[in-house]
Amino acid sequence: MPENRLDRIHAAACAAFLKKGYGGTKMEDIAASVGVGRSALYASFPTKEALFRGLVTNLVEHALPLERILQGIEAQTLPEVLGDLIARLTLAMSKGAGPVLHRLIIAEGAQFPELGRAYRKGVLQPLVTTVEGLLELGVRRGEFTAPDTRLAAQHIAGAMIMTVLWPRVFDPRASKAKVLEAANALAGMLLYGVLKR
């Protein structure tokens, strides 16, 4: 499928999910919005769940490229790497499909548990595993203190998601600059909690 058409499908799916929710969105409406036949949409995404997973994959590949972010970390201290990772990924999750995915999972996750499973597998597990690995390395090097690195990594991921949701849900008039400011503030606060003193 051409990249442009895929981008249009993702954008139409996000708009439909925001307007009608996951349960109320019909694949036919997305196809009509994009200007493709139902068969063309179903050839790429045989189910609505597959389309949701496609949004998660797109978020991970384009907005949350962990491998690319972690390249060249040898030149930085672990606090710099972790702080940069937290700030950049929080900001990345605030764009594109990120906020839509979070809202769907919160609003409809109980009714459609496959949403949470797809997000957990595609986004949370790689994120938590990466942060946990950085924390473990920092503990071994004497730069961090974290009695339970897995739990600390889960809390960091949770704080990142809440930072993304806050301006969209609780303060929708906040400017985009506030998201960057909040992401940097979050990184500073979380680092302070794990730095060895």
C-alpha atoms as a PDB file:
ATOM      1  CA  MET A   1       0.000   0.000   0.000  1.00  0.00           C
ATOM      2  CA  PRO A   2       1.407   3.437  -0.865  1.00  0.00           C
ATOM      3  CA  GLU A   3       2.710   5.328   2.178  1.00  0.00           C
ATOM      4  CA  ASN A   4       0.438   8.302   1.457  1.00  0.00           C
ATOM      5  CA  ARG A   5      -2.674   6.103   1.413  1.00  0.00           C
ATOM      6  CA  LEU A   6      -1.587   4.387   4.628  1.00  0.00           C
ATOM      7  CA  ASP A   7      -1.093   7.786   6.268  1.00  0.00           C
ATOM      8  CA  ARG A   8      -4.571   8.822   5.103  1.00  0.00           C
ATOM      9  CA  ILE A   9      -6.074   5.618   6.508  1.00  0.00           C
ATOM     10  CA  HIS A  10      -4.339   6.179   9.856  1.00  0.00           C
ATOM     11  CA  ALA A  11      -5.527   9.806   9.959  1.00  0.00           C
ATOM     12  CA  ALA A  12      -9.098   8.806   9.065  1.00  0.00           C
ATOM     13  CA  ALA A  13      -9.071   6.055  11.690  1.00  0.00           C
ATOM     14  CA  CYS A  14      -7.842   8.509  14.347  1.00  0.00           C
ATOM     15  CA  ALA A  15     -10.553  11.017  13.424  1.00  0.00           C
ATOM     16  CA  ALA A  16     -13.259   8.359  13.444  1.00  0.00           C
ATOM     17  CA  PHE A  17     -12.093   6.844  16.734  1.00  0.00           C
ATOM     18  CA  LEU A  18     -12.081  10.298  18.354  1.00  0.00           C
ATOM     19  CA  LYS A  19     -15.520  11.170  17.039  1.00  0.00           C
ATOM     20  CA  LYS A  20     -17.339   7.844  17.442  1.00  0.00           C
ATOM     21  CA  GLY A  21     -15.108   5.807  19.729  1.00  0.00           C
ATOM     22  CA  TYR A  22     -13.704   2.410  18.910  1.00  0.00           C
ATOM     23  CA  GLY A  23     -17.036   0.633  19.291  1.00  0.00           C
ATOM     24  CA  GLY A  24     -18.940   3.140  17.154  1.00  0.00           C
ATOM     25  CA  THR A  25     -16.427   3.304  14.315  1.00  0.00           C
ATOM     26  CA  LYS A  26     -17.185   1.268  11.215  1.00  0.00           C
ATOM     27  CA  MET A  27     -14.496   0.199   8.774  1.00  0.00           C
ATOM     28  CA  GLU A  28     -16.774   1.299   5.931  1.00  0.00           C
ATOM     29  CA  ASP A  29     -16.783   4.871   7.280  1.00  0.00           C
ATOM     30  CA  ILE A  30     -12.985   4.922   7.329  1.00  0.00           C
ATOM     31  CA  ALA A  31     -12.809   3.586   3.769  1.00  0.00           C
ATOM     32  CA  ALA A  32     -15.281   6.238   2.575  1.00  0.00           C
ATOM     33  CA  SER A  33     -13.372   8.988   4.379  1.00  0.00           C
ATOM     34  CA  VAL A  34     -10.130   7.975   2.662  1.00  0.00           C
ATOM     35  CA  GLY A  35     -11.803   7.469  -0.708  1.00  0.00           C
ATOM     36  CA  VAL A  36     -10.903   3.808  -1.075  1.00  0.00           C
ATOM     37  CA  GLY A  37     -13.157   0.818  -1.487  1.00  0.00           C
ATOM     38  CA  ARG A  38     -13.917  -1.420   1.446  1.00  0.00           C
ATOM     39  CA  SER A  39     -11.995  -4.245  -0.212  1.00  0.00           C
ATOM     40  CA  ALA A  40      -8.856  -2.080  -0.425  1.00  0.00           C
ATOM     41  CA  LEU A  41      -9.099  -1.224   3.272  1.00  0.00           C
ATOM     42  CA  TYR A  42      -9.832  -4.819   4.269  1.00  0.00           C
ATOM     43  CA  ALA A  43      -6.871  -6.036   2.167  1.00  0.00           C
ATOM     44  CA  SER A  44      -4.558  -4.004   4.402  1.00  0.00           C
ATOM     45  CA  PHE A  45      -6.492  -4.263   7.666  1.00  0.00           C
ATOM     46  CA  PRO A  46      -8.818  -7.285   7.789  1.00  0.00           C
ATOM     47  CA  THR A  47     -10.357  -6.134  11.084  1.00  0.00           C
ATOM     48  CA  LYS A  48     -10.775  -2.983  13.119  1.00  0.00           C
ATOM     49  CA  GLU A  49      -8.418  -4.476  15.692  1.00  0.00           C
ATOM     50  CA  ALA A  50      -5.789  -4.924  12.965  1.00  0.00           C
ATOM     51  CA  LEU A  51      -6.228  -1.247  12.080  1.00  0.00           C
ATOM     52  CA  PHE A  52      -5.762  -0.276  15.748  1.00  0.00           C
ATOM     53  CA  ARG A  53      -2.614  -2.433  15.876  1.00  0.00           C
ATOM     54  CA  GLY A  54      -1.467  -0.654  12.704  1.00  0.00           C
ATOM     55  CA  LEU A  55      -1.810   2.674  14.525  1.00  0.00           C
ATOM     56  CA  VAL A  56       0.258   1.291  17.407  1.00  0.00           C
ATOM     57  CA  THR A  57       2.923   0.012  14.998  1.00  0.00           C
ATOM     58  CA  ASN A  58       3.004   3.355  13.207  1.00  0.00           C
ATOM     59  CA  LEU A  59       3.424   5.164  16.534  1.00  0.00           C
ATOM     60  CA  VAL A  60       6.301   2.900  17.533  1.00  0.00           C
ATOM     61  CA  GLU A  61       8.081   3.043  14.181  1.00  0.00           C
ATOM     62  CA  HIS A  62       7.735   6.780  13.590  1.00  0.00           C
ATOM     63  CA  ALA A  63       7.232   8.487  16.929  1.00  0.00           C
ATOM     64  CA  LEU A  64       8.971   6.149  19.366  1.00  0.00           C
ATOM     65  CA  PRO A  65      12.084   4.857  17.590  1.00  0.00           C
ATOM     66  CA  LEU A  66      13.856   3.494  20.667  1.00  0.00           C
ATOM     67  CA  GLU A  67      16.810   2.081  18.719  1.00  0.00           C
ATOM     68  CA  ARG A  68      17.502   5.406  16.988  1.00  0.00           C
ATOM     69  CA  ILE A  69      17.156   7.370  20.222  1.00  0.00           C
ATOM     70  CA  LEU A  70      19.582   5.063  22.000  1.00  0.00           C
ATOM     71  CA  GLN A  71      22.276   5.228  19.302  1.00  0.00           C
ATOM     72  CA  GLY A  72      25.429   6.870  20.529  1.00  0.00           C
ATOM     73  CA  ILE A  73      24.590   6.670  24.223  1.00  0.00           C
ATOM     74  CA  GLU A  74      28.188   5.842  25.028  1.00  0.00           C
ATOM     75  CA  ALA A  75      29.002   9.545  24.656  1.00  0.00           C
ATOM     76  CA  GLN A  76      26.467  10.505  27.341  1.00  0.00           C
ATOM     77  CA  THR A  77      26.059   9.748  31.019  1.00  0.00           C
ATOM     78  CA  LEU A  78      23.145   7.470  31.881  1.00  0.00           C
ATOM     79  CA  PRO A  79      21.228  10.305  33.579  1.00  0.00           C
ATOM     80  CA  GLU A  80      21.552  12.292  30.330  1.00  0.00           C
ATOM     81  CA  VAL A  81      20.410   9.318  28.253  1.00  0.00           C
ATOM     82  CA  LEU A  82      17.433   8.525  30.494  1.00  0.00           C
ATOM     83  CA  GLY A  83      16.421  12.175  30.795  1.00  0.00           C
ATOM     84  CA  ASP A  84      16.613  12.643  27.033  1.00  0.00           C
ATOM     85  CA  LEU A  85      14.676   9.424  26.447  1.00  0.00           C
ATOM     86  CA  ILE A  86      11.890  10.430  28.852  1.00  0.00           C
ATOM     87  CA  ALA A  87      11.550  13.939  27.411  1.00  0.00           C
ATOM     88  CA  ARG A  88      11.722  12.907  23.745  1.00  0.00           C
ATOM     89  CA  LEU A  89       9.368   9.954  24.030  1.00  0.00           C
ATOM     90  CA  THR A  90       6.846  11.883  26.120  1.00  0.00           C
ATOM     91  CA  LEU A  91       6.800  14.597  23.479  1.00  0.00           C
ATOM     92  CA  ALA A  92       6.558  12.001  20.688  1.00  0.00           C
ATOM     93  CA  MET A  93       3.611  10.279  22.399  1.00  0.00           C
ATOM     94  CA  SER A  94       1.787  13.618  22.486  1.00  0.00           C
ATOM     95  CA  LYS A  95       1.673  13.795  18.679  1.00  0.00           C
ATOM     96  CA  GLY A  96      -0.158  11.929  15.944  1.00  0.00           C
ATOM     97  CA  ALA A  97      -2.025   8.836  17.049  1.00  0.00           C
ATOM     98  CA  GLY A  98      -0.531   8.810  20.567  1.00  0.00           C
ATOM     99  CA  PRO A  99      -3.259  10.808  22.337  1.00  0.00           C
ATOM    100  CA  VAL A 100      -5.987   9.010  20.372  1.00  0.00           C
ATOM    101  CA  LEU A 101      -4.656   5.611  21.427  1.00  0.00           C
ATOM    102  CA  HIS A 102      -4.450   6.663  25.085  1.00  0.00           C
ATOM    103  CA  ARG A 103      -7.987   8.045  25.076  1.00  0.00           C
ATOM    104  CA  LEU A 104      -9.400   4.908  23.435  1.00  0.00           C
ATOM    105  CA  ILE A 105      -7.670   2.613  25.896  1.00  0.00           C
ATOM    106  CA  ILE A 106      -8.931   4.594  28.868  1.00  0.00           C
ATOM    107  CA  ALA A 107     -12.465   5.124  27.561  1.00  0.00           C
ATOM    108  CA  GLU A 108     -13.087   1.731  25.984  1.00  0.00           C
ATOM    109  CA  GLY A 109     -10.373  -0.590  27.260  1.00  0.00           C
ATOM    110  CA  ALA A 110     -12.699  -2.460  29.612  1.00  0.00           C
ATOM    111  CA  GLN A 111     -15.139  -3.178  26.791  1.00  0.00           C
ATOM    112  CA  PHE A 112     -12.404  -3.912  24.238  1.00  0.00           C
ATOM    113  CA  PRO A 113      -9.457  -5.433  26.146  1.00  0.00           C
ATOM    114  CA  GLU A 114      -7.637  -6.099  22.873  1.00  0.00           C
ATOM    115  CA  LEU A 115      -6.858  -2.360  22.740  1.00  0.00           C
ATOM    116  CA  GLY A 116      -4.865  -2.486  25.961  1.00  0.00           C
ATOM    117  CA  ARG A 117      -3.151  -5.721  24.947  1.00  0.00           C
ATOM    118  CA  ALA A 118      -2.046  -4.272  21.600  1.00  0.00           C
ATOM    119  CA  TYR A 119      -0.750  -1.067  23.225  1.00  0.00           C
ATOM    120  CA  ARG A 120       0.993  -2.967  25.990  1.00  0.00           C
ATOM    121  CA  LYS A 121       2.741  -5.292  23.538  1.00  0.00           C
ATOM    122  CA  GLY A 122       3.622  -2.630  20.982  1.00  0.00           C
ATOM    123  CA  VAL A 123       4.456   0.380  23.155  1.00  0.00           C
ATOM    124  CA  LEU A 124       4.623  -0.300  26.873  1.00  0.00           C
ATOM    125  CA  GLN A 125       6.680  -3.502  26.916  1.00  0.00           C
ATOM    126  CA  PRO A 126       9.486  -2.126  24.709  1.00  0.00           C
ATOM    127  CA  LEU A 127       9.443   1.185  26.598  1.00  0.00           C
ATOM    128  CA  VAL A 128       9.489  -0.411  30.055  1.00  0.00           C
ATOM    129  CA  THR A 129      12.148  -2.934  29.012  1.00  0.00           C
ATOM    130  CA  THR A 130      14.383  -0.157  27.633  1.00  0.00           C
ATOM    131  CA  VAL A 131      13.988   2.048  30.708  1.00  0.00           C
ATOM    132  CA  GLU A 132      14.490  -0.936  33.005  1.00  0.00           C
ATOM    133  CA  GLY A 133      17.714  -1.837  31.165  1.00  0.00           C
ATOM    134  CA  LEU A 134      19.013   1.724  31.541  1.00  0.00           C
ATOM    135  CA  LEU A 135      18.119   1.725  35.246  1.00  0.00           C
ATOM    136  CA  GLU A 136      19.832  -1.638  35.824  1.00  0.00           C
ATOM    137  CA  LEU A 137      22.954  -0.428  34.041  1.00  0.00           C
ATOM    138  CA  GLY A 138      22.872   2.783  36.091  1.00  0.00           C
ATOM    139  CA  VAL A 139      22.529   0.829  39.333  1.00  0.00           C
ATOM    140  CA  ARG A 140      25.508  -1.379  38.378  1.00  0.00           C
ATOM    141  CA  ARG A 141      27.568   1.724  37.548  1.00  0.00           C
ATOM    142  CA  GLY A 142      26.555   3.420  40.777  1.00  0.00           C
ATOM    143  CA  GLU A 143      24.730   6.272  38.970  1.00  0.00           C
ATOM    144  CA  PHE A 144      21.165   5.270  39.905  1.00  0.00           C
ATOM    145  CA  THR A 145      19.414   3.802  42.878  1.00  0.00           C
ATOM    146  CA  ALA A 146      16.275   1.765  42.264  1.00  0.00           C
ATOM    147  CA  PRO A 147      15.486  -1.214  44.499  1.00  0.00           C
ATOM    148  CA  ASP A 148      13.021  -2.581  41.922  1.00  0.00           C
ATOM    149  CA  THR A 149      14.041  -1.449  38.443  1.00  0.00           C
ATOM    150  CA  ARG A 150      11.003  -3.042  36.746  1.00  0.00           C
ATOM    151  CA  LEU A 151       8.567  -1.232  39.023  1.00  0.00           C
ATOM    152  CA  ALA A 152      10.494   2.031  38.627  1.00  0.00           C
ATOM    153  CA  ALA A 153      10.379   1.650  34.819  1.00  0.00           C
ATOM    154  CA  GLN A 154       6.607   1.024  34.942  1.00  0.00           C
ATOM    155  CA  HIS A 155       6.103   4.159  37.032  1.00  0.00           C
ATOM    156  CA  ILE A 156       8.215   6.194  34.632  1.00  0.00           C
ATOM    157  CA  ALA A 157       6.111   4.953  31.685  1.00  0.00           C
ATOM    158  CA  GLY A 158       2.911   5.760  33.605  1.00  0.00           C
ATOM    159  CA  ALA A 159       4.111   9.276  34.376  1.00  0.00           C
ATOM    160  CA  MET A 160       4.961   9.781  30.707  1.00  0.00           C
ATOM    161  CA  ILE A 161       1.442   8.776  29.623  1.00  0.00           C
ATOM    162  CA  MET A 162      -0.156  11.018  32.257  1.00  0.00           C
ATOM    163  CA  THR A 163       1.986  13.934  31.053  1.00  0.00           C
ATOM    164  CA  VAL A 164       0.631  13.351  27.537  1.00  0.00           C
ATOM    165  CA  LEU A 165      -2.969  13.095  28.740  1.00  0.00           C
ATOM    166  CA  TRP A 166      -2.936  16.054  31.124  1.00  0.00           C
ATOM    167  CA  PRO A 167      -3.145  18.909  28.605  1.00  0.00           C
ATOM    168  CA  ARG A 168      -5.567  17.001  26.346  1.00  0.00           C
ATOM    169  CA  VAL A 169      -7.981  15.979  29.087  1.00  0.00           C
ATOM    170  CA  PHE A 170      -7.554  18.361  32.022  1.00  0.00           C
ATOM    171  CA  ASP A 171      -6.148  21.519  30.399  1.00  0.00           C
ATOM    172  CA  PRO A 172      -7.082  21.470  26.694  1.00  0.00           C
ATOM    173  CA  ARG A 173      -6.175  25.155  26.246  1.00  0.00           C
ATOM    174  CA  ALA A 174      -2.527  24.414  27.023  1.00  0.00           C
ATOM    175  CA  SER A 175      -0.189  25.253  24.181  1.00  0.00           C
ATOM    176  CA  LYS A 176       2.031  22.717  22.455  1.00  0.00           C
ATOM    177  CA  ALA A 177       4.991  24.462  24.084  1.00  0.00           C
ATOM    178  CA  LYS A 178       3.569  23.395  27.453  1.00  0.00           C
ATOM    179  CA  VAL A 179       3.837  19.739  26.408  1.00  0.00           C
ATOM    180  CA  LEU A 180       7.552  20.166  25.703  1.00  0.00           C
ATOM    181  CA  GLU A 181       7.966  22.056  28.975  1.00  0.00           C
ATOM    182  CA  ALA A 182       6.069  19.335  30.838  1.00  0.00           C
ATOM    183  CA  ALA A 183       8.120  16.566  29.175  1.00  0.00           C
ATOM    184  CA  ASN A 184      11.377  18.222  30.237  1.00  0.00           C
ATOM    185  CA  ALA A 185      10.053  18.846  33.765  1.00  0.00           C
ATOM    186  CA  LEU A 186       8.944  15.214  34.008  1.00  0.00           C
ATOM    187  CA  ALA A 187      12.382  14.004  32.931  1.00  0.00           C
ATOM    188  CA  GLY A 188      14.033  16.184  35.592  1.00  0.00           C
ATOM    189  CA  MET A 189      11.703  15.025  38.376  1.00  0.00           C
ATOM    190  CA  LEU A 190      11.952  11.345  37.486  1.00  0.00           C
ATOM    191  CA  LEU A 191      15.715  11.497  37.243  1.00  0.00           C
ATOM    192  CA  TYR A 192      15.920  13.139  40.639  1.00  0.00           C
ATOM    193  CA  GLY A 193      14.068  10.125  42.065  1.00  0.00           C
ATOM    194  CA  VAL A 194      16.553   7.557  40.777  1.00  0.00           C
ATOM    195  CA  LEU A 195      19.862   9.449  40.941  1.00  0.00           C
ATOM    196  CA  LYS A 196      22.258   8.116  43.512  1.00  0.00           C
ATOM    197  CA  ARG A 197      23.179  10.822  45.987  1.00  0.00           C
END
